[in-house]
Amino acid sequence: MGTDSGQPNGDPGAITEAREDWKSSTTALERVQQVVEQTTTPKIAGEIAEEALVSEPTARKHLKSLVEVGTAAATEEGGATKYVRNEDTLLYQRIRELAAEHSRKELIESIQRMKRRIKKFEDDYDAASPEDLATSLGSDASEGAWEAVSEWQTTERNLHIAQAAINYGRARDLGAATQ
């Protein structure tokens, strides 16, 4: 868990040692990529450089490459170029990982569990979707109801990703069969 300063809790010496270990066991490109993949709000190159333990020119060079290959996206905001992870690339990687790491049977079983979970949300909250539930909640709604909205949305997303993994695996197998 982090503190308000953005630094993790713990012994400052251990944090410094962990940073040095990370720096010595990875390349500058790997560190920039790892930081970008965790970046959900756009950041300027200097911010990414600081987190990745590289100089700003090095960060800019690697960020340009990561934008070119689709790992990162660049936007212009207030005269500055800001960088953020490319959600589509991460989604595609997740779909490919699921298809490679799990059998079709495992994915189907997981999909069935998620569909049952979604049905339970629908029945428990008498709502057709998490958005319906969210719009029906008043300002005095319990924390649990808002958590249900979030969990329902996550379950729906994971359901679609698992379905896409099955389709991806099938398309890959059909492509291999025609070669």
N, C-alpha and C. Protein backbone atom coordinates (compact mmCIF):
# COMPACT_ATOMS: atom_id res chain seq x y z
N MET A 1 0.86 -1.17 0.00
CA MET A 1 0.00 0.00 0.00
C MET A 1 0.90 1.22 0.00
N GLY A 2 0.56 2.24 -0.75
CA GLY A 2 1.38 3.43 -0.86
C GLY A 2 0.99 4.50 0.14
N THR A 3 1.86 5.49 0.25
CA THR A 3 1.58 6.65 1.08
C THR A 3 1.11 7.77 0.19
N ASP A 4 0.73 8.90 0.80
CA ASP A 4 0.28 10.04 0.01
C ASP A 4 1.37 10.57 -0.91
N SER A 5 2.63 10.32 -0.58
CA SER A 5 3.73 10.81 -1.41
C SER A 5 3.94 9.96 -2.65
N GLY A 6 3.18 8.85 -2.75
CA GLY A 6 3.35 7.98 -3.91
C GLY A 6 4.42 6.93 -3.69
N GLN A 7 5.12 6.98 -2.55
CA GLN A 7 6.14 6.01 -2.23
C GLN A 7 5.52 4.84 -1.49
N PRO A 8 5.98 3.62 -1.74
CA PRO A 8 5.45 2.49 -1.01
C PRO A 8 5.83 2.57 0.45
N ASN A 9 5.01 1.97 1.30
CA ASN A 9 5.35 1.89 2.72
C ASN A 9 6.53 0.95 2.88
N GLY A 10 7.32 1.18 3.89
CA GLY A 10 8.42 0.25 4.15
C GLY A 10 9.71 0.98 4.41
N ASP A 11 10.71 0.20 4.62
CA ASP A 11 12.04 0.68 4.92
C ASP A 11 12.63 1.37 3.69
N PRO A 12 13.04 2.66 3.83
CA PRO A 12 13.62 3.36 2.67
C PRO A 12 14.83 2.64 2.08
N GLY A 13 15.61 1.98 2.91
CA GLY A 13 16.77 1.24 2.40
C GLY A 13 16.34 0.07 1.53
N ALA A 14 15.27 -0.60 1.95
CA ALA A 14 14.77 -1.74 1.16
C ALA A 14 14.20 -1.25 -0.16
N ILE A 15 13.56 -0.10 -0.14
CA ILE A 15 13.00 0.47 -1.37
C ILE A 15 14.12 0.82 -2.34
N THR A 16 15.17 1.46 -1.82
CA THR A 16 16.32 1.82 -2.65
C THR A 16 16.97 0.57 -3.23
N GLU A 17 17.10 -0.47 -2.41
CA GLU A 17 17.69 -1.72 -2.88
C GLU A 17 16.83 -2.36 -3.97
N ALA A 18 15.52 -2.34 -3.78
CA ALA A 18 14.61 -2.93 -4.78
C ALA A 18 14.72 -2.17 -6.10
N ARG A 19 14.80 -0.85 -6.02
CA ARG A 19 14.93 -0.04 -7.24
C ARG A 19 16.24 -0.36 -7.95
N GLU A 20 17.33 -0.49 -7.20
CA GLU A 20 18.62 -0.81 -7.79
C GLU A 20 18.62 -2.21 -8.40
N ASP A 21 17.97 -3.16 -7.72
CA ASP A 21 17.86 -4.52 -8.28
C ASP A 21 17.09 -4.48 -9.59
N TRP A 22 15.98 -3.73 -9.62
CA TRP A 22 15.17 -3.61 -10.83
C TRP A 22 16.01 -3.01 -11.95
N LYS A 23 16.74 -1.96 -11.61
CA LYS A 23 17.56 -1.28 -12.62
C LYS A 23 18.66 -2.19 -13.16
N SER A 24 19.29 -2.98 -12.28
CA SER A 24 20.39 -3.83 -12.74
C SER A 24 19.91 -5.09 -13.47
N SER A 25 18.66 -5.48 -13.26
CA SER A 25 18.17 -6.71 -13.88
C SER A 25 17.32 -6.47 -15.13
N THR A 26 17.15 -5.22 -15.52
CA THR A 26 16.34 -4.90 -16.70
C THR A 26 17.05 -3.86 -17.56
N THR A 27 16.64 -3.78 -18.81
CA THR A 27 17.16 -2.73 -19.69
C THR A 27 16.30 -1.48 -19.52
N ALA A 28 16.79 -0.38 -20.02
CA ALA A 28 16.02 0.86 -19.97
C ALA A 28 14.69 0.70 -20.71
N LEU A 29 14.72 0.05 -21.87
CA LEU A 29 13.48 -0.18 -22.63
C LEU A 29 12.50 -1.01 -21.81
N GLU A 30 12.96 -2.06 -21.18
CA GLU A 30 12.06 -2.90 -20.37
C GLU A 30 11.42 -2.10 -19.24
N ARG A 31 12.21 -1.24 -18.59
CA ARG A 31 11.66 -0.44 -17.49
C ARG A 31 10.64 0.58 -17.99
N VAL A 32 10.95 1.23 -19.12
CA VAL A 32 10.00 2.19 -19.69
C VAL A 32 8.71 1.46 -20.07
N GLN A 33 8.85 0.30 -20.69
CA GLN A 33 7.66 -0.47 -21.08
C GLN A 33 6.85 -0.89 -19.85
N GLN A 34 7.51 -1.35 -18.82
CA GLN A 34 6.79 -1.75 -17.60
C GLN A 34 6.04 -0.58 -16.98
N VAL A 35 6.66 0.59 -16.97
CA VAL A 35 5.98 1.77 -16.43
C VAL A 35 4.79 2.13 -17.29
N VAL A 36 4.97 2.15 -18.61
CA VAL A 36 3.87 2.49 -19.52
C VAL A 36 2.71 1.53 -19.35
N GLU A 37 3.01 0.25 -19.22
CA GLU A 37 1.95 -0.75 -19.09
C GLU A 37 1.14 -0.58 -17.82
N GLN A 38 1.67 0.15 -16.85
CA GLN A 38 0.94 0.43 -15.61
C GLN A 38 0.32 1.84 -15.61
N THR A 39 0.53 2.57 -16.69
CA THR A 39 0.08 3.97 -16.76
C THR A 39 -1.33 4.04 -17.34
N THR A 40 -2.28 4.42 -16.50
CA THR A 40 -3.67 4.52 -16.94
C THR A 40 -4.11 5.95 -17.19
N THR A 41 -3.35 6.91 -16.70
CA THR A 41 -3.63 8.32 -17.00
C THR A 41 -2.40 8.89 -17.71
N PRO A 42 -2.61 9.68 -18.75
CA PRO A 42 -1.47 10.18 -19.54
C PRO A 42 -0.42 10.90 -18.70
N LYS A 43 0.85 10.62 -19.00
CA LYS A 43 1.98 11.23 -18.31
C LYS A 43 2.98 11.74 -19.33
N ILE A 44 3.68 12.80 -18.96
CA ILE A 44 4.74 13.32 -19.82
C ILE A 44 5.97 12.43 -19.69
N ALA A 45 6.86 12.54 -20.65
CA ALA A 45 8.05 11.68 -20.70
C ALA A 45 8.89 11.80 -19.43
N GLY A 46 8.97 12.98 -18.86
CA GLY A 46 9.76 13.18 -17.65
C GLY A 46 9.24 12.37 -16.48
N GLU A 47 7.93 12.28 -16.35
CA GLU A 47 7.34 11.49 -15.26
C GLU A 47 7.64 10.00 -15.46
N ILE A 48 7.52 9.55 -16.69
CA ILE A 48 7.80 8.15 -16.98
C ILE A 48 9.29 7.87 -16.78
N ALA A 49 10.14 8.80 -17.20
CA ALA A 49 11.59 8.64 -17.02
C ALA A 49 11.94 8.47 -15.55
N GLU A 50 11.35 9.30 -14.72
CA GLU A 50 11.63 9.23 -13.28
C GLU A 50 11.23 7.87 -12.71
N GLU A 51 10.04 7.40 -13.07
CA GLU A 51 9.57 6.11 -12.56
C GLU A 51 10.40 4.95 -13.11
N ALA A 52 10.85 5.08 -14.36
CA ALA A 52 11.61 4.00 -15.01
C ALA A 52 13.10 4.05 -14.73
N LEU A 53 13.53 5.04 -13.98
CA LEU A 53 14.95 5.19 -13.61
C LEU A 53 15.84 5.37 -14.84
N VAL A 54 15.37 6.21 -15.76
CA VAL A 54 16.14 6.53 -16.97
C VAL A 54 16.14 8.04 -17.15
N SER A 55 16.99 8.50 -18.06
CA SER A 55 17.00 9.93 -18.37
C SER A 55 15.78 10.24 -19.24
N GLU A 56 15.41 11.51 -19.29
CA GLU A 56 14.27 11.90 -20.11
C GLU A 56 14.51 11.63 -21.60
N PRO A 57 15.70 11.94 -22.16
CA PRO A 57 15.92 11.60 -23.57
C PRO A 57 15.79 10.09 -23.85
N THR A 58 16.28 9.28 -22.93
CA THR A 58 16.15 7.83 -23.09
C THR A 58 14.69 7.42 -23.06
N ALA A 59 13.93 7.99 -22.13
CA ALA A 59 12.49 7.69 -22.05
C ALA A 59 11.80 8.09 -23.34
N ARG A 60 12.10 9.29 -23.85
CA ARG A 60 11.46 9.74 -25.10
C ARG A 60 11.76 8.79 -26.26
N LYS A 61 13.02 8.35 -26.35
CA LYS A 61 13.41 7.44 -27.43
C LYS A 61 12.61 6.14 -27.34
N HIS A 62 12.52 5.57 -26.15
CA HIS A 62 11.81 4.30 -25.98
C HIS A 62 10.30 4.49 -26.09
N LEU A 63 9.79 5.60 -25.61
CA LEU A 63 8.36 5.87 -25.74
C LEU A 63 7.95 5.96 -27.20
N LYS A 64 8.80 6.61 -28.01
CA LYS A 64 8.52 6.70 -29.45
C LYS A 64 8.43 5.30 -30.05
N SER A 65 9.35 4.42 -29.68
CA SER A 65 9.32 3.04 -30.18
C SER A 65 8.09 2.30 -29.70
N LEU A 66 7.71 2.49 -28.45
CA LEU A 66 6.54 1.81 -27.89
C LEU A 66 5.25 2.29 -28.55
N VAL A 67 5.21 3.57 -28.93
CA VAL A 67 4.05 4.08 -29.67
C VAL A 67 4.01 3.44 -31.05
N GLU A 68 5.16 3.32 -31.70
CA GLU A 68 5.23 2.74 -33.05
C GLU A 68 4.76 1.29 -33.08
N VAL A 69 5.06 0.52 -32.03
CA VAL A 69 4.66 -0.89 -32.00
C VAL A 69 3.29 -1.10 -31.37
N GLY A 70 2.69 -0.02 -30.86
CA GLY A 70 1.33 -0.11 -30.34
C GLY A 70 1.21 -0.40 -28.86
N THR A 71 2.31 -0.47 -28.14
CA THR A 71 2.25 -0.71 -26.70
C THR A 71 1.77 0.52 -25.96
N ALA A 72 2.14 1.69 -26.46
CA ALA A 72 1.76 2.96 -25.83
C ALA A 72 1.01 3.82 -26.84
N ALA A 73 0.28 4.78 -26.31
CA ALA A 73 -0.41 5.77 -27.14
C ALA A 73 0.08 7.15 -26.71
N ALA A 74 0.20 8.05 -27.67
CA ALA A 74 0.65 9.41 -27.38
C ALA A 74 -0.47 10.39 -27.72
N THR A 75 -0.63 11.40 -26.86
CA THR A 75 -1.60 12.45 -27.11
C THR A 75 -0.95 13.80 -26.81
N GLU A 76 -1.46 14.80 -27.48
CA GLU A 76 -0.99 16.16 -27.22
C GLU A 76 -1.97 16.82 -26.26
N GLU A 77 -1.47 17.28 -25.12
CA GLU A 77 -2.30 17.97 -24.14
C GLU A 77 -1.56 19.21 -23.67
N GLY A 78 -2.15 20.35 -23.93
CA GLY A 78 -1.55 21.60 -23.47
C GLY A 78 -0.15 21.82 -23.98
N GLY A 79 0.12 21.43 -25.22
CA GLY A 79 1.43 21.63 -25.81
C GLY A 79 2.46 20.59 -25.42
N ALA A 80 2.07 19.62 -24.60
CA ALA A 80 3.00 18.56 -24.19
C ALA A 80 2.50 17.22 -24.70
N THR A 81 3.45 16.37 -25.07
CA THR A 81 3.09 15.01 -25.46
C THR A 81 3.00 14.18 -24.20
N LYS A 82 1.88 13.48 -24.06
CA LYS A 82 1.68 12.60 -22.91
C LYS A 82 1.49 11.18 -23.42
N TYR A 83 1.90 10.25 -22.59
CA TYR A 83 1.89 8.84 -22.97
C TYR A 83 1.05 8.03 -21.99
N VAL A 84 0.43 7.00 -22.52
CA VAL A 84 -0.41 6.11 -21.72
C VAL A 84 -0.38 4.74 -22.37
N ARG A 85 -0.69 3.71 -21.62
CA ARG A 85 -0.71 2.38 -22.20
C ARG A 85 -1.81 2.28 -23.25
N ASN A 86 -1.60 1.43 -24.23
CA ASN A 86 -2.59 1.19 -25.27
C ASN A 86 -3.47 0.05 -24.79
N GLU A 87 -4.70 0.39 -24.41
CA GLU A 87 -5.62 -0.61 -23.85
C GLU A 87 -5.92 -1.73 -24.84
N ASP A 88 -6.03 -1.41 -26.13
CA ASP A 88 -6.33 -2.45 -27.12
C ASP A 88 -5.21 -3.49 -27.20
N THR A 89 -3.98 -3.04 -27.12
CA THR A 89 -2.85 -3.97 -27.16
C THR A 89 -2.87 -4.87 -25.93
N LEU A 90 -3.12 -4.29 -24.76
CA LEU A 90 -3.17 -5.10 -23.54
C LEU A 90 -4.32 -6.10 -23.60
N LEU A 91 -5.45 -5.68 -24.13
CA LEU A 91 -6.60 -6.58 -24.27
C LEU A 91 -6.25 -7.74 -25.20
N TYR A 92 -5.65 -7.44 -26.33
CA TYR A 92 -5.25 -8.48 -27.27
C TYR A 92 -4.26 -9.46 -26.62
N GLN A 93 -3.30 -8.93 -25.87
CA GLN A 93 -2.33 -9.79 -25.19
C GLN A 93 -3.03 -10.70 -24.20
N ARG A 94 -3.99 -10.16 -23.46
CA ARG A 94 -4.73 -10.96 -22.47
C ARG A 94 -5.51 -12.08 -23.16
N ILE A 95 -6.15 -11.77 -24.27
CA ILE A 95 -6.91 -12.77 -25.02
C ILE A 95 -5.97 -13.87 -25.51
N ARG A 96 -4.83 -13.48 -26.06
CA ARG A 96 -3.86 -14.47 -26.54
C ARG A 96 -3.35 -15.33 -25.40
N GLU A 97 -3.06 -14.73 -24.24
CA GLU A 97 -2.58 -15.50 -23.08
C GLU A 97 -3.61 -16.52 -22.65
N LEU A 98 -4.87 -16.09 -22.53
CA LEU A 98 -5.92 -17.03 -22.12
C LEU A 98 -6.04 -18.18 -23.10
N ALA A 99 -6.01 -17.88 -24.39
CA ALA A 99 -6.14 -18.92 -25.41
C ALA A 99 -4.97 -19.90 -25.35
N ALA A 100 -3.79 -19.40 -25.02
CA ALA A 100 -2.61 -20.26 -24.98
C ALA A 100 -2.51 -21.06 -23.67
N GLU A 101 -2.96 -20.47 -22.57
CA GLU A 101 -2.76 -21.08 -21.25
C GLU A 101 -3.90 -21.98 -20.79
N HIS A 102 -5.06 -21.87 -21.43
CA HIS A 102 -6.23 -22.62 -20.98
C HIS A 102 -6.84 -23.40 -22.14
N SER A 103 -7.34 -24.58 -21.82
CA SER A 103 -8.01 -25.37 -22.84
C SER A 103 -9.37 -24.76 -23.14
N ARG A 104 -9.91 -25.15 -24.26
CA ARG A 104 -11.26 -24.71 -24.64
C ARG A 104 -12.26 -25.11 -23.55
N LYS A 105 -12.11 -26.32 -23.02
CA LYS A 105 -13.00 -26.81 -21.97
C LYS A 105 -12.91 -25.92 -20.72
N GLU A 106 -11.69 -25.56 -20.31
CA GLU A 106 -11.51 -24.70 -19.14
C GLU A 106 -12.16 -23.34 -19.36
N LEU A 107 -11.98 -22.79 -20.56
CA LEU A 107 -12.58 -21.49 -20.86
C LEU A 107 -14.10 -21.57 -20.84
N ILE A 108 -14.65 -22.63 -21.39
CA ILE A 108 -16.11 -22.79 -21.40
C ILE A 108 -16.63 -22.92 -19.97
N GLU A 109 -15.95 -23.67 -19.12
CA GLU A 109 -16.37 -23.80 -17.72
C GLU A 109 -16.32 -22.45 -17.02
N SER A 110 -15.29 -21.68 -17.29
CA SER A 110 -15.17 -20.35 -16.70
C SER A 110 -16.29 -19.43 -17.18
N ILE A 111 -16.61 -19.51 -18.46
CA ILE A 111 -17.70 -18.71 -19.02
C ILE A 111 -19.02 -19.08 -18.35
N GLN A 112 -19.24 -20.35 -18.15
CA GLN A 112 -20.48 -20.79 -17.50
C GLN A 112 -20.57 -20.24 -16.08
N ARG A 113 -19.45 -20.26 -15.34
CA ARG A 113 -19.44 -19.71 -13.97
C ARG A 113 -19.75 -18.21 -14.00
N MET A 114 -19.15 -17.50 -14.95
CA MET A 114 -19.39 -16.06 -15.03
C MET A 114 -20.84 -15.76 -15.40
N LYS A 115 -21.41 -16.54 -16.29
CA LYS A 115 -22.82 -16.34 -16.65
C LYS A 115 -23.72 -16.58 -15.45
N ARG A 116 -23.40 -17.58 -14.63
CA ARG A 116 -24.19 -17.82 -13.42
C ARG A 116 -24.05 -16.65 -12.45
N ARG A 117 -22.84 -16.12 -12.35
CA ARG A 117 -22.60 -14.97 -11.45
C ARG A 117 -23.40 -13.75 -11.93
N ILE A 118 -23.42 -13.52 -13.22
CA ILE A 118 -24.18 -12.38 -13.77
C ILE A 118 -25.68 -12.59 -13.53
N LYS A 119 -26.16 -13.81 -13.70
CA LYS A 119 -27.58 -14.11 -13.44
C LYS A 119 -27.92 -13.83 -11.98
N LYS A 120 -27.01 -14.17 -11.08
CA LYS A 120 -27.24 -13.91 -9.66
C LYS A 120 -27.32 -12.40 -9.40
N PHE A 121 -26.46 -11.62 -10.03
CA PHE A 121 -26.55 -10.16 -9.90
C PHE A 121 -27.92 -9.67 -10.38
N GLU A 122 -28.33 -10.16 -11.53
CA GLU A 122 -29.62 -9.74 -12.09
C GLU A 122 -30.76 -10.07 -11.13
N ASP A 123 -30.73 -11.27 -10.56
CA ASP A 123 -31.79 -11.68 -9.63
C ASP A 123 -31.71 -10.93 -8.30
N ASP A 124 -30.51 -10.83 -7.74
CA ASP A 124 -30.34 -10.19 -6.44
C ASP A 124 -30.72 -8.71 -6.45
N TYR A 125 -30.42 -8.04 -7.56
CA TYR A 125 -30.63 -6.59 -7.62
C TYR A 125 -31.78 -6.19 -8.53
N ASP A 126 -32.45 -7.18 -9.12
CA ASP A 126 -33.58 -6.92 -10.02
C ASP A 126 -33.20 -5.85 -11.05
N ALA A 127 -32.07 -6.09 -11.71
CA ALA A 127 -31.55 -5.16 -12.71
C ALA A 127 -31.05 -5.97 -13.90
N ALA A 128 -31.12 -5.36 -15.08
CA ALA A 128 -30.71 -6.04 -16.31
C ALA A 128 -29.22 -5.89 -16.59
N SER A 129 -28.59 -4.93 -15.97
CA SER A 129 -27.17 -4.66 -16.22
C SER A 129 -26.58 -3.89 -15.04
N PRO A 130 -25.27 -3.84 -14.96
CA PRO A 130 -24.67 -3.04 -13.89
C PRO A 130 -25.00 -1.56 -14.03
N GLU A 131 -25.19 -1.11 -15.26
CA GLU A 131 -25.55 0.29 -15.48
C GLU A 131 -26.95 0.57 -14.94
N ASP A 132 -27.89 -0.39 -15.15
CA ASP A 132 -29.23 -0.25 -14.58
C ASP A 132 -29.17 -0.17 -13.07
N LEU A 133 -28.36 -1.04 -12.48
CA LEU A 133 -28.22 -1.03 -11.03
C LEU A 133 -27.65 0.30 -10.57
N ALA A 134 -26.61 0.76 -11.22
CA ALA A 134 -25.97 2.02 -10.81
C ALA A 134 -26.93 3.20 -10.89
N THR A 135 -27.74 3.26 -11.94
CA THR A 135 -28.67 4.39 -12.06
C THR A 135 -29.82 4.29 -11.08
N SER A 136 -30.08 3.08 -10.57
CA SER A 136 -31.17 2.93 -9.61
C SER A 136 -30.74 3.22 -8.17
N LEU A 137 -29.44 3.25 -7.93
CA LEU A 137 -28.95 3.46 -6.57
C LEU A 137 -29.06 4.93 -6.17
N GLY A 138 -29.54 5.15 -4.99
CA GLY A 138 -29.63 6.52 -4.47
C GLY A 138 -28.36 6.90 -3.76
N SER A 139 -28.32 8.13 -3.31
CA SER A 139 -27.13 8.63 -2.61
C SER A 139 -26.91 7.91 -1.28
N ASP A 140 -27.96 7.26 -0.77
CA ASP A 140 -27.84 6.53 0.49
C ASP A 140 -27.58 5.04 0.30
N ALA A 141 -27.21 4.65 -0.93
CA ALA A 141 -26.96 3.24 -1.23
C ALA A 141 -25.78 2.72 -0.42
N SER A 142 -25.86 1.45 -0.09
CA SER A 142 -24.80 0.84 0.71
C SER A 142 -23.52 0.70 -0.12
N GLU A 143 -22.42 0.60 0.60
CA GLU A 143 -21.12 0.36 -0.04
C GLU A 143 -21.17 -0.95 -0.82
N GLY A 144 -21.86 -1.94 -0.27
CA GLY A 144 -21.98 -3.24 -0.91
C GLY A 144 -22.65 -3.18 -2.27
N ALA A 145 -23.66 -2.32 -2.40
CA ALA A 145 -24.35 -2.18 -3.69
C ALA A 145 -23.40 -1.60 -4.73
N TRP A 146 -22.60 -0.62 -4.34
CA TRP A 146 -21.64 -0.03 -5.30
C TRP A 146 -20.54 -1.03 -5.64
N GLU A 147 -20.14 -1.84 -4.67
CA GLU A 147 -19.16 -2.89 -4.94
C GLU A 147 -19.73 -3.91 -5.92
N ALA A 148 -21.04 -4.19 -5.79
CA ALA A 148 -21.70 -5.13 -6.71
C ALA A 148 -21.67 -4.59 -8.13
N VAL A 149 -21.89 -3.29 -8.30
CA VAL A 149 -21.83 -2.68 -9.63
C VAL A 149 -20.45 -2.92 -10.23
N SER A 150 -19.42 -2.65 -9.46
CA SER A 150 -18.05 -2.83 -9.95
C SER A 150 -17.75 -4.29 -10.26
N GLU A 151 -18.14 -5.19 -9.36
CA GLU A 151 -17.88 -6.62 -9.58
C GLU A 151 -18.65 -7.13 -10.79
N TRP A 152 -19.87 -6.66 -10.96
CA TRP A 152 -20.69 -7.08 -12.11
C TRP A 152 -20.04 -6.62 -13.41
N GLN A 153 -19.58 -5.36 -13.44
CA GLN A 153 -18.90 -4.85 -14.64
C GLN A 153 -17.65 -5.67 -14.94
N THR A 154 -16.88 -5.98 -13.92
CA THR A 154 -15.66 -6.76 -14.10
C THR A 154 -15.99 -8.16 -14.62
N THR A 155 -17.03 -8.77 -14.06
CA THR A 155 -17.43 -10.10 -14.50
C THR A 155 -17.86 -10.08 -15.97
N GLU A 156 -18.62 -9.06 -16.35
CA GLU A 156 -19.02 -8.95 -17.76
C GLU A 156 -17.82 -8.79 -18.68
N ARG A 157 -16.87 -7.95 -18.27
CA ARG A 157 -15.66 -7.75 -19.08
C ARG A 157 -14.90 -9.07 -19.22
N ASN A 158 -14.71 -9.77 -18.10
CA ASN A 158 -13.98 -11.03 -18.13
C ASN A 158 -14.71 -12.07 -18.97
N LEU A 159 -16.03 -12.06 -18.94
CA LEU A 159 -16.82 -12.97 -19.76
C LEU A 159 -16.53 -12.73 -21.24
N HIS A 160 -16.55 -11.49 -21.65
CA HIS A 160 -16.29 -11.16 -23.06
C HIS A 160 -14.86 -11.51 -23.46
N ILE A 161 -13.92 -11.31 -22.55
CA ILE A 161 -12.53 -11.64 -22.84
C ILE A 161 -12.38 -13.15 -23.00
N ALA A 162 -13.01 -13.92 -22.13
CA ALA A 162 -12.93 -15.39 -22.23
C ALA A 162 -13.59 -15.87 -23.52
N GLN A 163 -14.71 -15.27 -23.89
CA GLN A 163 -15.36 -15.64 -25.15
C GLN A 163 -14.46 -15.31 -26.34
N ALA A 164 -13.81 -14.16 -26.27
CA ALA A 164 -12.89 -13.77 -27.34
C ALA A 164 -11.70 -14.73 -27.41
N ALA A 165 -11.24 -15.22 -26.26
CA ALA A 165 -10.12 -16.16 -26.24
C ALA A 165 -10.51 -17.47 -26.93
N ILE A 166 -11.73 -17.92 -26.70
CA ILE A 166 -12.20 -19.14 -27.39
C ILE A 166 -12.22 -18.89 -28.90
N ASN A 167 -12.77 -17.76 -29.31
CA ASN A 167 -12.85 -17.44 -30.74
C ASN A 167 -11.46 -17.27 -31.35
N TYR A 168 -10.56 -16.62 -30.62
CA TYR A 168 -9.20 -16.43 -31.09
C TYR A 168 -8.52 -17.79 -31.28
N GLY A 169 -8.64 -18.66 -30.27
CA GLY A 169 -8.03 -19.98 -30.35
C GLY A 169 -8.58 -20.78 -31.52
N ARG A 170 -9.86 -20.70 -31.73
CA ARG A 170 -10.50 -21.42 -32.85
C ARG A 170 -10.00 -20.87 -34.19
N ALA A 171 -9.95 -19.55 -34.32
CA ALA A 171 -9.47 -18.94 -35.56
C ALA A 171 -8.01 -19.29 -35.80
N ARG A 172 -7.20 -19.29 -34.75
CA ARG A 172 -5.80 -19.66 -34.88
C ARG A 172 -5.67 -21.11 -35.35
N ASP A 173 -6.46 -22.01 -34.74
CA ASP A 173 -6.42 -23.42 -35.10
C ASP A 173 -6.88 -23.64 -36.55
N LEU A 174 -7.92 -22.92 -36.95
CA LEU A 174 -8.42 -23.05 -38.32
C LEU A 174 -7.39 -22.51 -39.31
N GLY A 175 -6.72 -21.42 -38.95
CA GLY A 175 -5.68 -20.87 -39.81
C GLY A 175 -4.52 -21.82 -39.98
N ALA A 176 -4.13 -22.49 -38.88
CA ALA A 176 -3.03 -23.44 -38.94
C ALA A 176 -3.42 -24.65 -39.79
N ALA A 177 -4.68 -25.02 -39.74
CA ALA A 177 -5.14 -26.19 -40.50
C ALA A 177 -5.15 -25.94 -42.01
N THR A 178 -5.27 -24.68 -42.40
CA THR A 178 -5.35 -24.35 -43.83
C THR A 178 -3.98 -24.07 -44.43
N GLN A 179 -2.95 -24.07 -43.62
CA GLN A 179 -1.61 -23.77 -44.14
C GLN A 179 -0.90 -25.00 -44.61
